């Protein structure tokens, strides 16, 4: 039995964009892109416009949101409400800002969420300062 973390399935590596065919152990089936369903009927106005903008952005990125239509609709509605409150100089609840922040992170709409997670963060060596002069 090998030590360490278990290897990721090849399908997950394909989705993450880290798959290398030369290292594949078996044939990989690349998922076929299913068409995105229509927006929910309750989505109206500026939220529906945001739906169109966001789905176009995700299509350009090659990011699949199939199966996440409901969450995307909620994200568009939260963003539309946030924009409307901002334009009318109304109070914005912190819960609304937090909900928007979480949705933006889930759909990779922030610069921090678009960067890959650092798998092995560089550990600081607690003995690196031994033998050095103290900072003055």
C-alpha atoms as a PDB file:
ATOM      1  CA  UNK A   1       0.000   0.000   0.000  1.00  0.00           C
ATOM      2  CA  UNK A   2       1.384   3.387  -0.999  1.00  0.00           C
ATOM      3  CA  UNK A   3       1.580   6.190   1.492  1.00  0.00           C
ATOM      4  CA  UNK A   4       0.163   9.639   1.017  1.00  0.00           C
ATOM      5  CA  UNK A   5      -3.053  10.994  -0.336  1.00  0.00           C
ATOM      6  CA  UNK A   6      -5.088   8.943  -2.750  1.00  0.00           C
ATOM      7  CA  UNK A   7      -4.768   9.943  -6.406  1.00  0.00           C
ATOM      8  CA  UNK A   8      -7.594  11.980  -7.871  1.00  0.00           C
ATOM      9  CA  UNK A   9      -9.832  10.353 -10.461  1.00  0.00           C
ATOM     10  CA  UNK A  10      -8.939  11.281 -14.030  1.00  0.00           C
ATOM     11  CA  UNK A  11     -12.374  12.793 -14.654  1.00  0.00           C
ATOM     12  CA  UNK A  12     -11.815  15.240 -11.796  1.00  0.00           C
ATOM     13  CA  UNK A  13      -8.402  16.174 -13.204  1.00  0.00           C
ATOM     14  CA  UNK A  14     -10.025  16.879 -16.580  1.00  0.00           C
ATOM     15  CA  UNK A  15     -12.521  19.224 -14.926  1.00  0.00           C
ATOM     16  CA  UNK A  16      -9.751  20.985 -12.986  1.00  0.00           C
ATOM     17  CA  UNK A  17      -7.604  21.300 -16.114  1.00  0.00           C
ATOM     18  CA  UNK A  18      -4.645  19.395 -14.627  1.00  0.00           C
ATOM     19  CA  UNK A  19      -5.066  16.153 -16.580  1.00  0.00           C
ATOM     20  CA  UNK A  20      -2.000  14.869 -18.415  1.00  0.00           C
ATOM     21  CA  UNK A  21      -2.706  12.024 -20.856  1.00  0.00           C
ATOM     22  CA  UNK A  22       0.854  10.735 -20.592  1.00  0.00           C
ATOM     23  CA  UNK A  23       0.263   9.964 -16.887  1.00  0.00           C
ATOM     24  CA  UNK A  24      -3.198   8.425 -17.260  1.00  0.00           C
ATOM     25  CA  UNK A  25      -3.599   4.895 -15.946  1.00  0.00           C
ATOM     26  CA  UNK A  26      -6.745   4.147 -17.931  1.00  0.00           C
ATOM     27  CA  UNK A  27      -8.781   5.631 -20.735  1.00  0.00           C
ATOM     28  CA  UNK A  28     -10.540   8.828 -19.728  1.00  0.00           C
ATOM     29  CA  UNK A  29     -14.063   9.642 -20.761  1.00  0.00           C
ATOM     30  CA  UNK A  30     -14.380  13.389 -21.172  1.00  0.00           C
ATOM     31  CA  UNK A  31     -17.847  14.516 -20.094  1.00  0.00           C
ATOM     32  CA  UNK A  32     -20.041  15.712 -22.937  1.00  0.00           C
ATOM     33  CA  UNK A  33     -21.300  19.244 -22.452  1.00  0.00           C
ATOM     34  CA  UNK A  34     -25.045  19.192 -21.941  1.00  0.00           C
ATOM     35  CA  UNK A  35     -27.019  22.256 -23.055  1.00  0.00           C
ATOM     36  CA  UNK A  36     -27.832  24.789 -20.363  1.00  0.00           C
ATOM     37  CA  UNK A  37     -31.479  24.795 -19.414  1.00  0.00           C
ATOM     38  CA  UNK A  38     -33.631  27.914 -19.617  1.00  0.00           C
ATOM     39  CA  UNK A  39     -33.672  30.315 -16.676  1.00  0.00           C
ATOM     40  CA  UNK A  40     -36.358  29.725 -14.053  1.00  0.00           C
ATOM     41  CA  UNK A  41     -39.731  31.337 -14.741  1.00  0.00           C
ATOM     42  CA  UNK A  42     -39.541  33.451 -11.570  1.00  0.00           C
ATOM     43  CA  UNK A  43     -36.376  35.235 -12.739  1.00  0.00           C
ATOM     44  CA  UNK A  44     -37.419  38.657 -14.069  1.00  0.00           C
ATOM     45  CA  UNK A  45     -36.003  42.059 -14.990  1.00  0.00           C
ATOM     46  CA  UNK A  46     -32.391  42.895 -14.260  1.00  0.00           C
ATOM     47  CA  UNK A  47     -31.779  39.471 -12.727  1.00  0.00           C
ATOM     48  CA  UNK A  48     -32.720  37.880 -16.053  1.00  0.00           C
ATOM     49  CA  UNK A  49     -30.308  40.219 -17.861  1.00  0.00           C
ATOM     50  CA  UNK A  50     -27.574  39.214 -15.407  1.00  0.00           C
ATOM     51  CA  UNK A  51     -28.377  35.556 -16.152  1.00  0.00           C
ATOM     52  CA  UNK A  52     -27.670  36.179 -19.840  1.00  0.00           C
ATOM     53  CA  UNK A  53     -24.447  38.062 -19.120  1.00  0.00           C
ATOM     54  CA  UNK A  54     -23.147  35.460 -16.685  1.00  0.00           C
ATOM     55  CA  UNK A  55     -23.963  32.466 -18.873  1.00  0.00           C
ATOM     56  CA  UNK A  56     -22.147  34.178 -21.762  1.00  0.00           C
ATOM     57  CA  UNK A  57     -19.092  34.761 -19.555  1.00  0.00           C
ATOM     58  CA  UNK A  58     -19.125  31.170 -18.337  1.00  0.00           C
ATOM     59  CA  UNK A  59     -19.445  29.884 -21.914  1.00  0.00           C
ATOM     60  CA  UNK A  60     -16.401  31.954 -22.964  1.00  0.00           C
ATOM     61  CA  UNK A  61     -14.463  30.545 -20.004  1.00  0.00           C
ATOM     62  CA  UNK A  62     -15.517  27.013 -20.837  1.00  0.00           C
ATOM     63  CA  UNK A  63     -17.069  26.730 -17.392  1.00  0.00           C
ATOM     64  CA  UNK A  64     -20.055  24.411 -17.196  1.00  0.00           C
ATOM     65  CA  UNK A  65     -22.967  25.514 -15.031  1.00  0.00           C
ATOM     66  CA  UNK A  66     -25.254  22.714 -16.153  1.00  0.00           C
ATOM     67  CA  UNK A  67     -27.134  21.380 -13.163  1.00  0.00           C
ATOM     68  CA  UNK A  68     -26.542  24.595 -11.212  1.00  0.00           C
ATOM     69  CA  UNK A  69     -29.270  26.658 -12.869  1.00  0.00           C
ATOM     70  CA  UNK A  70     -31.170  27.187  -9.620  1.00  0.00           C
ATOM     71  CA  UNK A  71     -28.090  28.393  -7.743  1.00  0.00           C
ATOM     72  CA  UNK A  72     -27.134  30.626 -10.670  1.00  0.00           C
ATOM     73  CA  UNK A  73     -30.622  32.132 -10.694  1.00  0.00           C
ATOM     74  CA  UNK A  74     -30.393  32.848  -6.961  1.00  0.00           C
ATOM     75  CA  UNK A  75     -26.949  34.391  -7.503  1.00  0.00           C
ATOM     76  CA  UNK A  76     -28.340  36.644 -10.268  1.00  0.00           C
ATOM     77  CA  UNK A  77     -31.283  37.669  -8.078  1.00  0.00           C
ATOM     78  CA  UNK A  78     -28.999  38.507  -5.134  1.00  0.00           C
ATOM     79  CA  UNK A  79     -26.703  40.557  -7.380  1.00  0.00           C
ATOM     80  CA  UNK A  80     -29.650  42.407  -8.954  1.00  0.00           C
ATOM     81  CA  UNK A  81     -31.015  43.229  -5.489  1.00  0.00           C
ATOM     82  CA  UNK A  82     -27.576  44.383  -4.347  1.00  0.00           C
ATOM     83  CA  UNK A  83     -27.192  46.653  -7.396  1.00  0.00           C
ATOM     84  CA  UNK A  84     -30.708  48.090  -6.960  1.00  0.00           C
ATOM     85  CA  UNK A  85     -30.048  48.907  -3.295  1.00  0.00           C
ATOM     86  CA  UNK A  86     -26.673  50.452  -4.182  1.00  0.00           C
ATOM     87  CA  UNK A  87     -28.215  52.674  -6.869  1.00  0.00           C
ATOM     88  CA  UNK A  88     -30.964  53.897  -4.528  1.00  0.00           C
ATOM     89  CA  UNK A  89     -28.497  54.541  -1.692  1.00  0.00           C
ATOM     90  CA  UNK A  90     -30.495  52.158   0.507  1.00  0.00           C
ATOM     91  CA  UNK A  91     -29.057  50.223   3.395  1.00  0.00           C
ATOM     92  CA  UNK A  92     -27.496  46.947   2.316  1.00  0.00           C
ATOM     93  CA  UNK A  93     -27.700  44.111   4.833  1.00  0.00           C
ATOM     94  CA  UNK A  94     -24.419  42.381   5.543  1.00  0.00           C
ATOM     95  CA  UNK A  95     -26.159  39.040   4.994  1.00  0.00           C
ATOM     96  CA  UNK A  96     -26.873  40.071   1.392  1.00  0.00           C
ATOM     97  CA  UNK A  97     -23.246  41.041   0.833  1.00  0.00           C
ATOM     98  CA  UNK A  98     -22.067  37.757   2.343  1.00  0.00           C
ATOM     99  CA  UNK A  99     -24.499  35.759   0.208  1.00  0.00           C
ATOM    100  CA  UNK A 100     -23.229  37.530  -2.918  1.00  0.00           C
ATOM    101  CA  UNK A 101     -19.624  36.932  -1.891  1.00  0.00           C
ATOM    102  CA  UNK A 102     -20.245  33.216  -1.377  1.00  0.00           C
ATOM    103  CA  UNK A 103     -22.060  32.842  -4.708  1.00  0.00           C
ATOM    104  CA  UNK A 104     -19.282  34.757  -6.498  1.00  0.00           C
ATOM    105  CA  UNK A 105     -16.735  32.397  -4.985  1.00  0.00           C
ATOM    106  CA  UNK A 106     -18.757  29.307  -5.960  1.00  0.00           C
ATOM    107  CA  UNK A 107     -19.049  30.455  -9.579  1.00  0.00           C
ATOM    108  CA  UNK A 108     -15.365  31.566  -9.775  1.00  0.00           C
ATOM    109  CA  UNK A 109     -16.234  35.233 -10.277  1.00  0.00           C
ATOM    110  CA  UNK A 110     -13.536  36.631  -7.995  1.00  0.00           C
ATOM    111  CA  UNK A 111      -9.810  36.783  -8.760  1.00  0.00           C
ATOM    112  CA  UNK A 112      -8.979  34.819  -5.620  1.00  0.00           C
ATOM    113  CA  UNK A 113     -11.372  32.005  -6.505  1.00  0.00           C
ATOM    114  CA  UNK A 114      -9.992  31.744 -10.058  1.00  0.00           C
ATOM    115  CA  UNK A 115      -6.510  30.890  -8.845  1.00  0.00           C
ATOM    116  CA  UNK A 116      -5.862  27.274  -8.017  1.00  0.00           C
ATOM    117  CA  UNK A 117      -5.525  26.379  -4.388  1.00  0.00           C
ATOM    118  CA  UNK A 118      -1.963  25.943  -3.290  1.00  0.00           C
ATOM    119  CA  UNK A 119      -1.619  22.225  -2.676  1.00  0.00           C
ATOM    120  CA  UNK A 120       1.505  22.345  -0.551  1.00  0.00           C
ATOM    121  CA  UNK A 121       1.964  25.747   1.051  1.00  0.00           C
ATOM    122  CA  UNK A 122       5.574  26.523   1.763  1.00  0.00           C
ATOM    123  CA  UNK A 123       6.163  25.842   5.413  1.00  0.00           C
ATOM    124  CA  UNK A 124       8.323  28.269   7.300  1.00  0.00           C
ATOM    125  CA  UNK A 125      11.445  26.782   8.784  1.00  0.00           C
ATOM    126  CA  UNK A 126      11.528  27.613  12.462  1.00  0.00           C
ATOM    127  CA  UNK A 127      15.279  26.982  12.542  1.00  0.00           C
ATOM    128  CA  UNK A 128      16.097  29.357   9.653  1.00  0.00           C
ATOM    129  CA  UNK A 129      16.916  32.218  12.012  1.00  0.00           C
ATOM    130  CA  UNK A 130      19.482  30.241  14.028  1.00  0.00           C
ATOM    131  CA  UNK A 131      22.954  31.716  13.798  1.00  0.00           C
ATOM    132  CA  UNK A 132      21.818  35.023  12.306  1.00  0.00           C
ATOM    133  CA  UNK A 133      22.278  38.383  13.914  1.00  0.00           C
ATOM    134  CA  UNK A 134      19.183  39.771  15.579  1.00  0.00           C
ATOM    135  CA  UNK A 135      17.403  42.506  13.628  1.00  0.00           C
ATOM    136  CA  UNK A 136      18.151  45.954  15.036  1.00  0.00           C
END
